[in-house]
Amino acid sequence: MRIYVASKFEDALLAKETMERLVKEGHTITYDWTPEYFAKPQVTPEFLIECAIKDMKGVLDAEML
């Protein structure tokens, strides 16, 4: 099943662990947003737009949220 895992940024570690567990069970994660969170990039309007586009694609490609 294609799954998008959403959470608060503060719960990014838990979200990442959940994604890893789901992948081990044979599911596909439509978009893993956690590397962007852990990298702590410079937050610019362009970065936020790029993230929003990737998030929306991940949601639209998912069978389950």
C-alpha atoms as a PDB file:
ATOM      1  CA  MET A   1       0.000   0.000   0.000  1.00  0.00           C
ATOM      2  CA  ARG A   2       1.196   3.549  -0.734  1.00  0.00           C
ATOM      3  CA  ILE A   3       1.201   5.567   2.496  1.00  0.00           C
ATOM      4  CA  TYR A   4       1.949   9.168   3.432  1.00  0.00           C
ATOM      5  CA  VAL A   5       2.931   9.612   7.082  1.00  0.00           C
ATOM      6  CA  ALA A   6       2.147  13.033   8.535  1.00  0.00           C
ATOM      7  CA  SER A   7       3.023  14.442  11.936  1.00  0.00           C
ATOM      8  CA  LYS A   8       4.159  17.566  13.700  1.00  0.00           C
ATOM      9  CA  PHE A   9       7.781  18.474  13.059  1.00  0.00           C
ATOM     10  CA  GLU A  10       8.457  17.867  16.749  1.00  0.00           C
ATOM     11  CA  ASP A  11       7.516  14.211  16.164  1.00  0.00           C
ATOM     12  CA  ALA A  12       9.766  13.743  13.122  1.00  0.00           C
ATOM     13  CA  LEU A  13      11.785  10.967  14.787  1.00  0.00           C
ATOM     14  CA  LEU A  14       8.629   9.000  15.565  1.00  0.00           C
ATOM     15  CA  ALA A  15       7.371   9.599  12.010  1.00  0.00           C
ATOM     16  CA  LYS A  16      10.662   8.299  10.580  1.00  0.00           C
ATOM     17  CA  GLU A  17      10.518   5.188  12.778  1.00  0.00           C
ATOM     18  CA  THR A  18       6.930   4.597  11.673  1.00  0.00           C
ATOM     19  CA  MET A  19       7.899   4.921   8.008  1.00  0.00           C
ATOM     20  CA  GLU A  20      10.755   2.442   8.455  1.00  0.00           C
ATOM     21  CA  ARG A  21       8.399  -0.048  10.106  1.00  0.00           C
ATOM     22  CA  LEU A  22       5.853   0.323   7.311  1.00  0.00           C
ATOM     23  CA  VAL A  23       8.518  -0.230   4.649  1.00  0.00           C
ATOM     24  CA  LYS A  24       9.660  -3.409   6.442  1.00  0.00           C
ATOM     25  CA  GLU A  25       6.059  -4.598   6.271  1.00  0.00           C
ATOM     26  CA  GLY A  26       6.088  -4.142   2.490  1.00  0.00           C
ATOM     27  CA  HIS A  27       4.434  -0.736   2.140  1.00  0.00           C
ATOM     28  CA  THR A  28       5.664   2.214   0.083  1.00  0.00           C
ATOM     29  CA  ILE A  29       6.095   5.666   1.578  1.00  0.00           C
ATOM     30  CA  THR A  30       4.988   8.229  -0.987  1.00  0.00           C
ATOM     31  CA  TYR A  31       7.174  11.004   0.417  1.00  0.00           C
ATOM     32  CA  ASP A  32       9.616  11.006   3.304  1.00  0.00           C
ATOM     33  CA  TRP A  33       9.794  14.609   4.497  1.00  0.00           C
ATOM     34  CA  THR A  34      11.994  13.867   7.519  1.00  0.00           C
ATOM     35  CA  PRO A  35      15.410  14.392   5.847  1.00  0.00           C
ATOM     36  CA  GLU A  36      14.465  18.016   5.233  1.00  0.00           C
ATOM     37  CA  TYR A  37      13.561  18.397   8.890  1.00  0.00           C
ATOM     38  CA  PHE A  38      16.738  16.763  10.218  1.00  0.00           C
ATOM     39  CA  ALA A  39      19.005  18.703   7.802  1.00  0.00           C
ATOM     40  CA  LYS A  40      17.802  21.993   9.333  1.00  0.00           C
ATOM     41  CA  PRO A  41      18.127  23.899   6.039  1.00  0.00           C
ATOM     42  CA  GLN A  42      17.798  27.636   5.711  1.00  0.00           C
ATOM     43  CA  VAL A  43      14.066  28.293   5.605  1.00  0.00           C
ATOM     44  CA  THR A  44      13.283  30.541   2.678  1.00  0.00           C
ATOM     45  CA  PRO A  45      10.004  31.123   0.854  1.00  0.00           C
ATOM     46  CA  GLU A  46      11.362  29.048  -2.044  1.00  0.00           C
ATOM     47  CA  PHE A  47      12.239  26.170   0.283  1.00  0.00           C
ATOM     48  CA  LEU A  48       8.774  26.234   1.842  1.00  0.00           C
ATOM     49  CA  ILE A  49       7.113  26.206  -1.588  1.00  0.00           C
ATOM     50  CA  GLU A  50       9.256  23.256  -2.680  1.00  0.00           C
ATOM     51  CA  CYS A  51       8.364  21.366   0.502  1.00  0.00           C
ATOM     52  CA  ALA A  52       4.653  22.079   0.062  1.00  0.00           C
ATOM     53  CA  ILE A  53       4.718  20.793  -3.513  1.00  0.00           C
ATOM     54  CA  LYS A  54       6.490  17.578  -2.454  1.00  0.00           C
ATOM     55  CA  ASP A  55       4.073  17.099   0.463  1.00  0.00           C
ATOM     56  CA  MET A  56       1.020  17.557  -1.763  1.00  0.00           C
ATOM     57  CA  LYS A  57       2.366  15.088  -4.331  1.00  0.00           C
ATOM     58  CA  GLY A  58       3.013  12.585  -1.541  1.00  0.00           C
ATOM     59  CA  VAL A  59      -0.536  12.996  -0.242  1.00  0.00           C
ATOM     60  CA  LEU A  60      -2.104  12.728  -3.690  1.00  0.00           C
ATOM     61  CA  ASP A  61      -0.058   9.606  -4.536  1.00  0.00           C
ATOM     62  CA  ALA A  62      -1.026   7.882  -1.278  1.00  0.00           C
ATOM     63  CA  GLU A  63      -3.744   5.330  -0.758  1.00  0.00           C
ATOM     64  CA  MET A  64      -3.666   5.982   2.976  1.00  0.00           C
ATOM     65  CA  LEU A  65      -2.649   8.883   5.207  1.00  0.00           C
END
